[in-house]
Amino acid sequence: VQVPFYFAGNVEALGATRLLMGVPLYALLLVFSWLVVRAVYPARTA
């Protein structure tokens, strides 16, 4: 997504997508990962 904006010299679009695909996307993946881990390891202790 971001490299084409870089080569186009579109700083505004590059900066905006960098922000949107940074912490927000990372947070979504953390939630998804937690859901998968809890499905595979349903018990806390074992």
PDB file of all heavy atoms in Angstrom:
ATOM      1  N   VAL A   1       0.825  -1.214   0.000  1.00  0.00           N
ATOM      2  CA  VAL A   1       0.000   0.000   0.000  1.00  0.00           C
ATOM      3  C   VAL A   1       0.858   1.263   0.000  1.00  0.00           C
ATOM      4  O   VAL A   1       0.567   2.231  -0.720  1.00  0.00           O
ATOM      5  CB  VAL A   1      -0.953  -0.003   1.219  1.00  0.00           C
ATOM      6  CG1 VAL A   1      -1.664   1.349   1.348  1.00  0.00           C
ATOM      7  CG2 VAL A   1      -1.969  -1.130   1.091  1.00  0.00           C
ATOM      8  N   GLN A   2       1.924   1.278   0.786  1.00  0.00           N
ATOM      9  CA  GLN A   2       2.649   2.522   1.023  1.00  0.00           C
ATOM     10  C   GLN A   2       3.751   2.819   0.012  1.00  0.00           C
ATOM     11  O   GLN A   2       3.991   4.001  -0.308  1.00  0.00           O
ATOM     12  CB  GLN A   2       3.246   2.494   2.437  1.00  0.00           C
ATOM     13  CG  GLN A   2       2.196   2.452   3.527  1.00  0.00           C
ATOM     14  CD  GLN A   2       2.769   2.154   4.894  1.00  0.00           C
ATOM     15  OE1 GLN A   2       3.967   2.325   5.144  1.00  0.00           O
ATOM     16  NE2 GLN A   2       1.920   1.682   5.798  1.00  0.00           N
ATOM     17  N   VAL A   3       4.424   1.812  -0.489  1.00  0.00           N
ATOM     18  CA  VAL A   3       5.545   2.061  -1.411  1.00  0.00           C
ATOM     19  C   VAL A   3       5.093   2.822  -2.668  1.00  0.00           C
ATOM     20  O   VAL A   3       5.803   3.739  -3.114  1.00  0.00           O
ATOM     21  CB  VAL A   3       6.251   0.739  -1.770  1.00  0.00           C
ATOM     22  CG1 VAL A   3       7.232   0.948  -2.927  1.00  0.00           C
ATOM     23  CG2 VAL A   3       6.991   0.200  -0.544  1.00  0.00           C
ATOM     24  N   PRO A   4       3.940   2.493  -3.271  1.00  0.00           N
ATOM     25  CA  PRO A   4       3.514   3.296  -4.433  1.00  0.00           C
ATOM     26  C   PRO A   4       3.340   4.779  -4.105  1.00  0.00           C
ATOM     27  O   PRO A   4       3.671   5.644  -4.934  1.00  0.00           O
ATOM     28  CB  PRO A   4       2.181   2.652  -4.831  1.00  0.00           C
ATOM     29  CG  PRO A   4       2.298   1.238  -4.372  1.00  0.00           C
ATOM     30  CD  PRO A   4       3.058   1.321  -3.082  1.00  0.00           C
ATOM     31  N   PHE A   5       2.845   5.106  -2.925  1.00  0.00           N
ATOM     32  CA  PHE A   5       2.723   6.510  -2.530  1.00  0.00           C
ATOM     33  C   PHE A   5       4.100   7.165  -2.420  1.00  0.00           C
ATOM     34  O   PHE A   5       4.264   8.351  -2.736  1.00  0.00           O
ATOM     35  CB  PHE A   5       1.973   6.634  -1.206  1.00  0.00           C
ATOM     36  CG  PHE A   5       0.509   6.302  -1.293  1.00  0.00           C
ATOM     37  CD1 PHE A   5      -0.088   5.457  -0.370  1.00  0.00           C
ATOM     38  CD2 PHE A   5      -0.281   6.846  -2.292  1.00  0.00           C
ATOM     39  CE1 PHE A   5      -1.441   5.157  -0.444  1.00  0.00           C
ATOM     40  CE2 PHE A   5      -1.640   6.548  -2.383  1.00  0.00           C
ATOM     41  CZ  PHE A   5      -2.214   5.704  -1.458  1.00  0.00           C
ATOM     42  N   TYR A   6       5.072   6.395  -1.951  1.00  0.00           N
ATOM     43  CA  TYR A   6       6.434   6.931  -1.847  1.00  0.00           C
ATOM     44  C   TYR A   6       6.976   7.308  -3.224  1.00  0.00           C
ATOM     45  O   TYR A   6       7.492   8.415  -3.421  1.00  0.00           O
ATOM     46  CB  TYR A   6       7.350   5.905  -1.177  1.00  0.00           C
ATOM     47  CG  TYR A   6       8.810   6.277  -1.249  1.00  0.00           C
ATOM     48  CD1 TYR A   6       9.350   7.211  -0.381  1.00  0.00           C
ATOM     49  CD2 TYR A   6       9.657   5.690  -2.204  1.00  0.00           C
ATOM     50  CE1 TYR A   6      10.691   7.560  -0.444  1.00  0.00           C
ATOM     51  CE2 TYR A   6      10.983   6.039  -2.274  1.00  0.00           C
ATOM     52  CZ  TYR A   6      11.497   6.976  -1.398  1.00  0.00           C
ATOM     53  OH  TYR A   6      12.831   7.333  -1.477  1.00  0.00           O
ATOM     54  N   PHE A   7       6.853   6.413  -4.173  1.00  0.00           N
ATOM     55  CA  PHE A   7       7.379   6.692  -5.508  1.00  0.00           C
ATOM     56  C   PHE A   7       6.581   7.783  -6.224  1.00  0.00           C
ATOM     57  O   PHE A   7       7.111   8.469  -7.105  1.00  0.00           O
ATOM     58  CB  PHE A   7       7.407   5.419  -6.346  1.00  0.00           C
ATOM     59  CG  PHE A   7       8.527   4.489  -5.970  1.00  0.00           C
ATOM     60  CD1 PHE A   7       8.265   3.262  -5.369  1.00  0.00           C
ATOM     61  CD2 PHE A   7       9.839   4.836  -6.198  1.00  0.00           C
ATOM     62  CE1 PHE A   7       9.298   2.408  -5.017  1.00  0.00           C
ATOM     63  CE2 PHE A   7      10.885   3.984  -5.852  1.00  0.00           C
ATOM     64  CZ  PHE A   7      10.611   2.773  -5.253  1.00  0.00           C
ATOM     65  N   ALA A   8       5.315   7.945  -5.823  1.00  0.00           N
ATOM     66  CA  ALA A   8       4.504   9.015  -6.403  1.00  0.00           C
ATOM     67  C   ALA A   8       4.769  10.356  -5.730  1.00  0.00           C
ATOM     68  O   ALA A   8       4.276  11.389  -6.192  1.00  0.00           O
ATOM     69  CB  ALA A   8       3.026   8.663  -6.290  1.00  0.00           C
ATOM     70  N   GLY A   9       5.532  10.343  -4.628  1.00  0.00           N
ATOM     71  CA  GLY A   9       5.814  11.577  -3.909  1.00  0.00           C
ATOM     72  C   GLY A   9       4.623  12.122  -3.161  1.00  0.00           C
ATOM     73  O   GLY A   9       4.583  13.316  -2.824  1.00  0.00           O
ATOM     74  N   ASN A  10       3.644  11.269  -2.871  1.00  0.00           N
ATOM     75  CA  ASN A  10       2.432  11.690  -2.174  1.00  0.00           C
ATOM     76  C   ASN A  10       2.649  11.536  -0.666  1.00  0.00           C
ATOM     77  O   ASN A  10       2.316  10.511  -0.072  1.00  0.00           O
ATOM     78  CB  ASN A  10       1.242  10.854  -2.644  1.00  0.00           C
ATOM     79  CG  ASN A  10      -0.082  11.422  -2.178  1.00  0.00           C
ATOM     80  OD1 ASN A  10      -0.150  12.128  -1.176  1.00  0.00           O
ATOM     81  ND2 ASN A  10      -1.146  11.117  -2.909  1.00  0.00           N
ATOM     82  N   VAL A  11       3.217  12.575  -0.059  1.00  0.00           N
ATOM     83  CA  VAL A  11       3.578  12.507   1.354  1.00  0.00           C
ATOM     84  C   VAL A  11       2.345  12.385   2.242  1.00  0.00           C
ATOM     85  O   VAL A  11       2.345  11.649   3.238  1.00  0.00           O
ATOM     86  CB  VAL A  11       4.405  13.744   1.756  1.00  0.00           C
ATOM     87  CG1 VAL A  11       4.746  13.705   3.243  1.00  0.00           C
ATOM     88  CG2 VAL A  11       5.674  13.816   0.928  1.00  0.00           C
ATOM     89  N   GLU A  12       1.277  13.114   1.899  1.00  0.00           N
ATOM     90  CA  GLU A  12       0.068  13.084   2.725  1.00  0.00           C
ATOM     91  C   GLU A  12      -0.536  11.683   2.768  1.00  0.00           C
ATOM     92  O   GLU A  12      -0.867  11.171   3.854  1.00  0.00           O
ATOM     93  CB  GLU A  12      -0.962  14.086   2.190  1.00  0.00           C
ATOM     94  CG  GLU A  12      -0.558  15.538   2.355  1.00  0.00           C
ATOM     95  CD  GLU A  12       0.436  16.000   1.290  1.00  0.00           C
ATOM     96  OE1 GLU A  12       0.700  15.223   0.342  1.00  0.00           O
ATOM     97  OE2 GLU A  12       0.933  17.121   1.404  1.00  0.00           O
ATOM     98  N   ALA A  13      -0.680  11.046   1.609  1.00  0.00           N
ATOM     99  CA  ALA A  13      -1.249   9.695   1.577  1.00  0.00           C
ATOM    100  C   ALA A  13      -0.316   8.701   2.246  1.00  0.00           C
ATOM    101  O   ALA A  13      -0.762   7.789   2.962  1.00  0.00           O
ATOM    102  CB  ALA A  13      -1.523   9.274   0.131  1.00  0.00           C
ATOM    103  N   LEU A  14       0.971   8.866   2.040  1.00  0.00           N
ATOM    104  CA  LEU A  14       1.949   7.969   2.657  1.00  0.00           C
ATOM    105  C   LEU A  14       1.903   8.079   4.175  1.00  0.00           C
ATOM    106  O   LEU A  14       1.876   7.062   4.888  1.00  0.00           O
ATOM    107  CB  LEU A  14       3.346   8.300   2.130  1.00  0.00           C
ATOM    108  CG  LEU A  14       4.522   7.529   2.729  1.00  0.00           C
ATOM    109  CD1 LEU A  14       4.318   6.030   2.587  1.00  0.00           C
ATOM    110  CD2 LEU A  14       5.831   7.962   2.075  1.00  0.00           C
ATOM    111  N   GLY A  15       1.879   9.306   4.677  1.00  0.00           N
ATOM    112  CA  GLY A  15       1.842   9.494   6.122  1.00  0.00           C
ATOM    113  C   GLY A  15       0.551   8.985   6.735  1.00  0.00           C
ATOM    114  O   GLY A  15       0.557   8.376   7.813  1.00  0.00           O
ATOM    115  N   ALA A  16      -0.573   9.222   6.042  1.00  0.00           N
ATOM    116  CA  ALA A  16      -1.862   8.771   6.572  1.00  0.00           C
ATOM    117  C   ALA A  16      -1.947   7.250   6.621  1.00  0.00           C
ATOM    118  O   ALA A  16      -2.398   6.669   7.622  1.00  0.00           O
ATOM    119  CB  ALA A  16      -2.997   9.340   5.724  1.00  0.00           C
ATOM    120  N   THR A  17      -1.519   6.591   5.550  1.00  0.00           N
ATOM    121  CA  THR A  17      -1.565   5.128   5.542  1.00  0.00           C
ATOM    122  C   THR A  17      -0.564   4.541   6.529  1.00  0.00           C
ATOM    123  O   THR A  17      -0.827   3.485   7.124  1.00  0.00           O
ATOM    124  CB  THR A  17      -1.309   4.576   4.137  1.00  0.00           C
ATOM    125  OG1 THR A  17      -0.076   5.126   3.619  1.00  0.00           O
ATOM    126  CG2 THR A  17      -2.439   4.924   3.192  1.00  0.00           C
ATOM    127  N   ARG A  18       0.565   5.212   6.721  1.00  0.00           N
ATOM    128  CA  ARG A  18       1.516   4.734   7.734  1.00  0.00           C
ATOM    129  C   ARG A  18       0.882   4.748   9.113  1.00  0.00           C
ATOM    130  O   ARG A  18       1.057   3.798   9.898  1.00  0.00           O
ATOM    131  CB  ARG A  18       2.777   5.612   7.693  1.00  0.00           C
ATOM    132  CG  ARG A  18       3.803   5.317   8.794  1.00  0.00           C
ATOM    133  CD  ARG A  18       4.419   3.929   8.660  1.00  0.00           C
ATOM    134  NE  ARG A  18       5.103   3.767   7.414  1.00  0.00           N
ATOM    135  CZ  ARG A  18       6.397   4.072   7.214  1.00  0.00           C
ATOM    136  NH1 ARG A  18       7.115   4.581   8.202  1.00  0.00           N
ATOM    137  NH2 ARG A  18       6.948   3.853   6.038  1.00  0.00           N
ATOM    138  N   LEU A  19       0.139   5.793   9.427  1.00  0.00           N
ATOM    139  CA  LEU A  19      -0.524   5.874  10.730  1.00  0.00           C
ATOM    140  C   LEU A  19      -1.639   4.844  10.858  1.00  0.00           C
ATOM    141  O   LEU A  19      -1.753   4.147  11.875  1.00  0.00           O
ATOM    142  CB  LEU A  19      -1.076   7.278  10.948  1.00  0.00           C
ATOM    143  CG  LEU A  19      -0.043   8.392  11.169  1.00  0.00           C
ATOM    144  CD1 LEU A  19      -0.717   9.757  11.135  1.00  0.00           C
ATOM    145  CD2 LEU A  19       0.694   8.199  12.492  1.00  0.00           C
ATOM    146  N   LEU A  20      -2.462   4.726   9.830  1.00  0.00           N
ATOM    147  CA  LEU A  20      -3.611   3.811   9.882  1.00  0.00           C
ATOM    148  C   LEU A  20      -3.175   2.349   9.906  1.00  0.00           C
ATOM    149  O   LEU A  20      -3.838   1.512  10.537  1.00  0.00           O
ATOM    150  CB  LEU A  20      -4.527   4.063   8.685  1.00  0.00           C
ATOM    151  CG  LEU A  20      -5.279   5.394   8.690  1.00  0.00           C
ATOM    152  CD1 LEU A  20      -6.029   5.588   7.380  1.00  0.00           C
ATOM    153  CD2 LEU A  20      -6.245   5.464   9.873  1.00  0.00           C
ATOM    154  N   MET A  21      -2.089   2.043   9.220  1.00  0.00           N
ATOM    155  CA  MET A  21      -1.620   0.654   9.167  1.00  0.00           C
ATOM    156  C   MET A  21      -0.556   0.367  10.219  1.00  0.00           C
ATOM    157  O   MET A  21       0.079  -0.690  10.192  1.00  0.00           O
ATOM    158  CB  MET A  21      -1.077   0.347   7.768  1.00  0.00           C
ATOM    159  CG  MET A  21      -2.093   0.548   6.661  1.00  0.00           C
ATOM    160  SD  MET A  21      -1.485   0.111   5.019  1.00  0.00           S
ATOM    161  CE  MET A  21      -1.582  -1.698   5.105  1.00  0.00           C
ATOM    162  N   GLY A  22      -0.406   1.297  11.149  1.00  0.00           N
ATOM    163  CA  GLY A  22       0.534   1.102  12.237  1.00  0.00           C
ATOM    164  C   GLY A  22      -0.148   0.500  13.453  1.00  0.00           C
ATOM    165  O   GLY A  22      -0.524  -0.674  13.466  1.00  0.00           O
ATOM    166  N   VAL A  23      -0.375   1.318  14.461  1.00  0.00           N
ATOM    167  CA  VAL A  23      -0.967   0.836  15.711  1.00  0.00           C
ATOM    168  C   VAL A  23      -2.364   0.233  15.527  1.00  0.00           C
ATOM    169  O   VAL A  23      -2.649  -0.841  16.069  1.00  0.00           O
ATOM    170  CB  VAL A  23      -0.985   1.957  16.765  1.00  0.00           C
ATOM    171  CG1 VAL A  23      -1.774   1.535  18.000  1.00  0.00           C
ATOM    172  CG2 VAL A  23       0.435   2.332  17.160  1.00  0.00           C
ATOM    173  N   PRO A  24      -3.273   0.868  14.765  1.00  0.00           N
ATOM    174  CA  PRO A  24      -4.613   0.269  14.629  1.00  0.00           C
ATOM    175  C   PRO A  24      -4.584  -1.141  14.033  1.00  0.00           C
ATOM    176  O   PRO A  24      -5.268  -2.045  14.536  1.00  0.00           O
ATOM    177  CB  PRO A  24      -5.340   1.254  13.702  1.00  0.00           C
ATOM    178  CG  PRO A  24      -4.653   2.549  13.914  1.00  0.00           C
ATOM    179  CD  PRO A  24      -3.208   2.192  14.104  1.00  0.00           C
ATOM    180  N   LEU A  25      -3.817  -1.341  12.971  1.00  0.00           N
ATOM    181  CA  LEU A  25      -3.740  -2.669  12.359  1.00  0.00           C
ATOM    182  C   LEU A  25      -3.057  -3.662  13.292  1.00  0.00           C
ATOM    183  O   LEU A  25      -3.468  -4.830  13.393  1.00  0.00           O
ATOM    184  CB  LEU A  25      -2.997  -2.574  11.026  1.00  0.00           C
ATOM    185  CG  LEU A  25      -2.945  -3.848  10.180  1.00  0.00           C
ATOM    186  CD1 LEU A  25      -4.342  -4.370   9.888  1.00  0.00           C
ATOM    187  CD2 LEU A  25      -2.186  -3.592   8.882  1.00  0.00           C
ATOM    188  N   TYR A  26      -2.017  -3.209  13.965  1.00  0.00           N
ATOM    189  CA  TYR A  26      -1.324  -4.054  14.935  1.00  0.00           C
ATOM    190  C   TYR A  26      -2.279  -4.490  16.051  1.00  0.00           C
ATOM    191  O   TYR A  26      -2.272  -5.652  16.477  1.00  0.00           O
ATOM    192  CB  TYR A  26      -0.138  -3.285  15.509  1.00  0.00           C
ATOM    193  CG  TYR A  26       0.629  -3.980  16.592  1.00  0.00           C
ATOM    194  CD1 TYR A  26       1.362  -5.134  16.327  1.00  0.00           C
ATOM    195  CD2 TYR A  26       0.653  -3.486  17.899  1.00  0.00           C
ATOM    196  CE1 TYR A  26       2.078  -5.780  17.329  1.00  0.00           C
ATOM    197  CE2 TYR A  26       1.365  -4.116  18.901  1.00  0.00           C
ATOM    198  CZ  TYR A  26       2.073  -5.261  18.617  1.00  0.00           C
ATOM    199  OH  TYR A  26       2.779  -5.897  19.604  1.00  0.00           O
ATOM    200  N   ALA A  27      -3.114  -3.575  16.512  1.00  0.00           N
ATOM    201  CA  ALA A  27      -4.077  -3.908  17.566  1.00  0.00           C
ATOM    202  C   ALA A  27      -5.073  -4.963  17.090  1.00  0.00           C
ATOM    203  O   ALA A  27      -5.407  -5.902  17.828  1.00  0.00           O
ATOM    204  CB  ALA A  27      -4.815  -2.640  18.010  1.00  0.00           C
ATOM    205  N   LEU A  28      -5.548  -4.827  15.858  1.00  0.00           N
ATOM    206  CA  LEU A  28      -6.478  -5.824  15.321  1.00  0.00           C
ATOM    207  C   LEU A  28      -5.828  -7.205  15.264  1.00  0.00           C
ATOM    208  O   LEU A  28      -6.467  -8.213  15.585  1.00  0.00           O
ATOM    209  CB  LEU A  28      -6.937  -5.400  13.925  1.00  0.00           C
ATOM    210  CG  LEU A  28      -7.934  -4.237  13.854  1.00  0.00           C
ATOM    211  CD1 LEU A  28      -8.204  -3.862  12.400  1.00  0.00           C
ATOM    212  CD2 LEU A  28      -9.244  -4.606  14.552  1.00  0.00           C
ATOM    213  N   LEU A  29      -4.579  -7.255  14.870  1.00  0.00           N
ATOM    214  CA  LEU A  29      -3.894  -8.547  14.800  1.00  0.00           C
ATOM    215  C   LEU A  29      -3.648  -9.136  16.181  1.00  0.00           C
ATOM    216  O   LEU A  29      -3.684 -10.359  16.353  1.00  0.00           O
ATOM    217  CB  LEU A  29      -2.572  -8.420  14.031  1.00  0.00           C
ATOM    218  CG  LEU A  29      -2.660  -8.904  12.577  1.00  0.00           C
ATOM    219  CD1 LEU A  29      -3.564  -7.994  11.774  1.00  0.00           C
ATOM    220  CD2 LEU A  29      -1.281  -8.973  11.938  1.00  0.00           C
ATOM    221  N   LEU A  30      -3.417  -8.279  17.163  1.00  0.00           N
ATOM    222  CA  LEU A  30      -3.274  -8.784  18.528  1.00  0.00           C
ATOM    223  C   LEU A  30      -4.572  -9.436  19.000  1.00  0.00           C
ATOM    224  O   LEU A  30      -4.550 -10.513  19.604  1.00  0.00           O
ATOM    225  CB  LEU A  30      -2.895  -7.645  19.475  1.00  0.00           C
ATOM    226  CG  LEU A  30      -1.435  -7.225  19.541  1.00  0.00           C
ATOM    227  CD1 LEU A  30      -1.255  -6.111  20.565  1.00  0.00           C
ATOM    228  CD2 LEU A  30      -0.525  -8.402  19.890  1.00  0.00           C
ATOM    229  N   VAL A  31      -5.700  -8.798  18.721  1.00  0.00           N
ATOM    230  CA  VAL A  31      -6.995  -9.360  19.124  1.00  0.00           C
ATOM    231  C   VAL A  31      -7.239 -10.685  18.406  1.00  0.00           C
ATOM    232  O   VAL A  31      -7.658 -11.677  19.027  1.00  0.00           O
ATOM    233  CB  VAL A  31      -8.138  -8.364  18.828  1.00  0.00           C
ATOM    234  CG1 VAL A  31      -9.497  -9.012  19.092  1.00  0.00           C
ATOM    235  CG2 VAL A  31      -7.980  -7.103  19.671  1.00  0.00           C
ATOM    236  N   PHE A  32      -6.982 -10.725  17.099  1.00  0.00           N
ATOM    237  CA  PHE A  32      -7.167 -11.959  16.346  1.00  0.00           C
ATOM    238  C   PHE A  32      -6.256 -13.063  16.881  1.00  0.00           C
ATOM    239  O   PHE A  32      -6.675 -14.220  17.039  1.00  0.00           O
ATOM    240  CB  PHE A  32      -6.879 -11.714  14.867  1.00  0.00           C
ATOM    241  CG  PHE A  32      -6.984 -12.952  14.011  1.00  0.00           C
ATOM    242  CD1 PHE A  32      -8.211 -13.503  13.708  1.00  0.00           C
ATOM    243  CD2 PHE A  32      -5.836 -13.571  13.535  1.00  0.00           C
ATOM    244  CE1 PHE A  32      -8.308 -14.653  12.938  1.00  0.00           C
ATOM    245  CE2 PHE A  32      -5.917 -14.718  12.757  1.00  0.00           C
ATOM    246  CZ  PHE A  32      -7.157 -15.264  12.461  1.00  0.00           C
ATOM    247  N   SER A  33      -5.013 -12.714  17.179  1.00  0.00           N
ATOM    248  CA  SER A  33      -4.064 -13.700  17.707  1.00  0.00           C
ATOM    249  C   SER A  33      -4.534 -14.232  19.050  1.00  0.00           C
ATOM    250  O   SER A  33      -4.448 -15.435  19.326  1.00  0.00           O
ATOM    251  CB  SER A  33      -2.675 -13.071  17.843  1.00  0.00           C
ATOM    252  OG  SER A  33      -2.193 -12.627  16.593  1.00  0.00           O
ATOM    253  N   TRP A  34      -5.046 -13.336  19.897  1.00  0.00           N
ATOM    254  CA  TRP A  34      -5.547 -13.767  21.202  1.00  0.00           C
ATOM    255  C   TRP A  34      -6.706 -14.749  21.032  1.00  0.00           C
ATOM    256  O   TRP A  34      -6.771 -15.766  21.739  1.00  0.00           O
ATOM    257  CB  TRP A  34      -5.993 -12.547  22.010  1.00  0.00           C
ATOM    258  CG  TRP A  34      -6.601 -12.904  23.334  1.00  0.00           C
ATOM    259  CD1 TRP A  34      -5.937 -13.186  24.493  1.00  0.00           C
ATOM    260  CD2 TRP A  34      -8.003 -13.036  23.627  1.00  0.00           C
ATOM    261  NE1 TRP A  34      -6.837 -13.490  25.501  1.00  0.00           N
ATOM    262  CE2 TRP A  34      -8.109 -13.398  24.994  1.00  0.00           C
ATOM    263  CE3 TRP A  34      -9.164 -12.875  22.873  1.00  0.00           C
ATOM    264  CZ2 TRP A  34      -9.335 -13.606  25.607  1.00  0.00           C
ATOM    265  CZ3 TRP A  34     -10.387 -13.079  23.483  1.00  0.00           C
ATOM    266  CH2 TRP A  34     -10.467 -13.438  24.842  1.00  0.00           C
ATOM    267  N   LEU A  35      -7.604 -14.479  20.094  1.00  0.00           N
ATOM    268  CA  LEU A  35      -8.743 -15.373  19.861  1.00  0.00           C
ATOM    269  C   LEU A  35      -8.263 -16.760  19.426  1.00  0.00           C
ATOM    270  O   LEU A  35      -8.777 -17.783  19.893  1.00  0.00           O
ATOM    271  CB  LEU A  35      -9.665 -14.778  18.794  1.00  0.00           C
ATOM    272  CG  LEU A  35     -10.453 -13.535  19.208  1.00  0.00           C
ATOM    273  CD1 LEU A  35     -11.154 -12.929  17.994  1.00  0.00           C
ATOM    274  CD2 LEU A  35     -11.465 -13.870  20.293  1.00  0.00           C
ATOM    275  N   VAL A  36      -7.282 -16.801  18.542  1.00  0.00           N
ATOM    276  CA  VAL A  36      -6.762 -18.087  18.074  1.00  0.00           C
ATOM    277  C   VAL A  36      -6.063 -18.827  19.205  1.00  0.00           C
ATOM    278  O   VAL A  36      -6.254 -20.038  19.401  1.00  0.00           O
ATOM    279  CB  VAL A  36      -5.807 -17.886  16.880  1.00  0.00           C
ATOM    280  CG1 VAL A  36      -5.136 -19.206  16.500  1.00  0.00           C
ATOM    281  CG2 VAL A  36      -6.557 -17.312  15.686  1.00  0.00           C
ATOM    282  N   VAL A  37      -5.260 -18.116  19.979  1.00  0.00           N
ATOM    283  CA  VAL A  37      -4.540 -18.749  21.093  1.00  0.00           C
ATOM    284  C   VAL A  37      -5.517 -19.305  22.115  1.00  0.00           C
ATOM    285  O   VAL A  37      -5.349 -20.421  22.611  1.00  0.00           O
ATOM    286  CB  VAL A  37      -3.571 -17.747  21.757  1.00  0.00           C
ATOM    287  CG1 VAL A  37      -2.997 -18.322  23.050  1.00  0.00           C
ATOM    288  CG2 VAL A  37      -2.444 -17.387  20.802  1.00  0.00           C
ATOM    289  N   ARG A  38      -6.573 -18.550  22.433  1.00  0.00           N
ATOM    290  CA  ARG A  38      -7.537 -19.047  23.406  1.00  0.00           C
ATOM    291  C   ARG A  38      -8.301 -20.248  22.874  1.00  0.00           C
ATOM    292  O   ARG A  38      -8.731 -21.115  23.639  1.00  0.00           O
ATOM    293  CB  ARG A  38      -8.546 -17.953  23.801  1.00  0.00           C
ATOM    294  CG  ARG A  38      -7.977 -16.751  24.502  1.00  0.00           C
ATOM    295  CD  ARG A  38      -6.906 -17.061  25.506  1.00  0.00           C
ATOM    296  NE  ARG A  38      -7.250 -18.109  26.462  1.00  0.00           N
ATOM    297  CZ  ARG A  38      -6.378 -18.737  27.224  1.00  0.00           C
ATOM    298  NH1 ARG A  38      -5.099 -18.448  27.142  1.00  0.00           N
ATOM    299  NH2 ARG A  38      -6.766 -19.673  28.057  1.00  0.00           N
ATOM    300  N   ALA A  39      -8.488 -20.332  21.550  1.00  0.00           N
ATOM    301  CA  ALA A  39      -9.157 -21.498  20.970  1.00  0.00           C
ATOM    302  C   ALA A  39      -8.273 -22.738  21.048  1.00  0.00           C
ATOM    303  O   ALA A  39      -8.757 -23.851  21.270  1.00  0.00           O
ATOM    304  CB  ALA A  39      -9.539 -21.209  19.521  1.00  0.00           C
ATOM    305  N   VAL A  40      -6.983 -22.539  20.872  1.00  0.00           N
ATOM    306  CA  VAL A  40      -6.055 -23.675  20.876  1.00  0.00           C
ATOM    307  C   VAL A  40      -5.670 -24.060  22.294  1.00  0.00           C
ATOM    308  O   VAL A  40      -5.499 -25.239  22.612  1.00  0.00           O
ATOM    309  CB  VAL A  40      -4.795 -23.333  20.054  1.00  0.00           C
ATOM    310  CG1 VAL A  40      -3.771 -24.455  20.137  1.00  0.00           C
ATOM    311  CG2 VAL A  40      -5.170 -23.071  18.603  1.00  0.00           C
ATOM    312  N   TYR A  41      -5.546 -23.071  23.174  1.00  0.00           N
ATOM    313  CA  TYR A  41      -5.190 -23.308  24.579  1.00  0.00           C
ATOM    314  C   TYR A  41      -6.323 -22.778  25.455  1.00  0.00           C
ATOM    315  O   TYR A  41      -6.211 -21.718  26.064  1.00  0.00           O
ATOM    316  CB  TYR A  41      -3.890 -22.591  24.944  1.00  0.00           C
ATOM    317  CG  TYR A  41      -2.668 -23.087  24.204  1.00  0.00           C
ATOM    318  CD1 TYR A  41      -2.223 -22.424  23.063  1.00  0.00           C
ATOM    319  CD2 TYR A  41      -1.956 -24.184  24.654  1.00  0.00           C
ATOM    320  CE1 TYR A  41      -1.111 -22.861  22.372  1.00  0.00           C
ATOM    321  CE2 TYR A  41      -0.840 -24.624  23.994  1.00  0.00           C
ATOM    322  CZ  TYR A  41      -0.413 -23.956  22.839  1.00  0.00           C
ATOM    323  OH  TYR A  41       0.702 -24.400  22.181  1.00  0.00           O
ATOM    324  N   PRO A  42      -7.444 -23.496  25.532  1.00  0.00           N
ATOM    325  CA  PRO A  42      -8.608 -22.972  26.253  1.00  0.00           C
ATOM    326  C   PRO A  42      -8.428 -22.878  27.753  1.00  0.00           C
ATOM    327  O   PRO A  42      -9.110 -22.099  28.405  1.00  0.00           O
ATOM    328  CB  PRO A  42      -9.727 -23.970  25.905  1.00  0.00           C
ATOM    329  CG  PRO A  42      -9.001 -25.228  25.550  1.00  0.00           C
ATOM    330  CD  PRO A  42      -7.721 -24.798  24.911  1.00  0.00           C
ATOM    331  N   ALA A  43      -7.515 -23.661  28.322  1.00  0.00           N
ATOM    332  CA  ALA A  43      -7.316 -23.635  29.773  1.00  0.00           C
ATOM    333  C   ALA A  43      -6.102 -22.794  30.089  1.00  0.00           C
ATOM    334  O   ALA A  43      -5.110 -22.787  29.355  1.00  0.00           O
ATOM    335  CB  ALA A  43      -7.136 -25.047  30.325  1.00  0.00           C
ATOM    336  N   ARG A  44      -6.135 -22.089  31.214  1.00  0.00           N
ATOM    337  CA  ARG A  44      -5.028 -21.249  31.626  1.00  0.00           C
ATOM    338  C   ARG A  44      -3.816 -22.057  32.045  1.00  0.00           C
ATOM    339  O   ARG A  44      -2.688 -21.695  31.800  1.00  0.00           O
ATOM    340  CB  ARG A  44      -5.457 -20.345  32.804  1.00  0.00           C
ATOM    341  CG  ARG A  44      -4.339 -19.454  33.321  1.00  0.00           C
ATOM    342  CD  ARG A  44      -4.773 -18.727  34.563  1.00  0.00           C
ATOM    343  NE  ARG A  44      -5.851 -17.798  34.304  1.00  0.00           N
ATOM    344  CZ  ARG A  44      -5.653 -16.528  33.951  1.00  0.00           C
ATOM    345  NH1 ARG A  44      -4.447 -16.070  33.829  1.00  0.00           N
ATOM    346  NH2 ARG A  44      -6.682 -15.744  33.725  1.00  0.00           N
ATOM    347  N   THR A  45      -4.067 -23.184  32.720  1.00  0.00           N
ATOM    348  CA  THR A  45      -2.967 -23.907  33.354  1.00  0.00           C
ATOM    349  C   THR A  45      -2.397 -25.027  32.505  1.00  0.00           C
ATOM    350  O   THR A  45      -1.267 -25.398  32.659  1.00  0.00           O
ATOM    351  CB  THR A  45      -3.417 -24.498  34.691  1.00  0.00           C
ATOM    352  OG1 THR A  45      -4.573 -25.324  34.474  1.00  0.00           O
ATOM    353  CG2 THR A  45      -3.786 -23.373  35.666  1.00  0.00           C
ATOM    354  N   ALA A  46      -3.199 -25.584  31.644  1.00  0.00           N
ATOM    355  CA  ALA A  46      -2.712 -26.739  30.895  1.00  0.00           C
ATOM    356  C   ALA A  46      -2.987 -26.561  29.422  1.00  0.00           C
ATOM    357  O   ALA A  46      -4.123 -26.319  29.041  1.00  0.00           O
ATOM    358  CB  ALA A  46      -3.393 -28.026  31.395  1.00  0.00           C
TER     359      ALA A  46
END
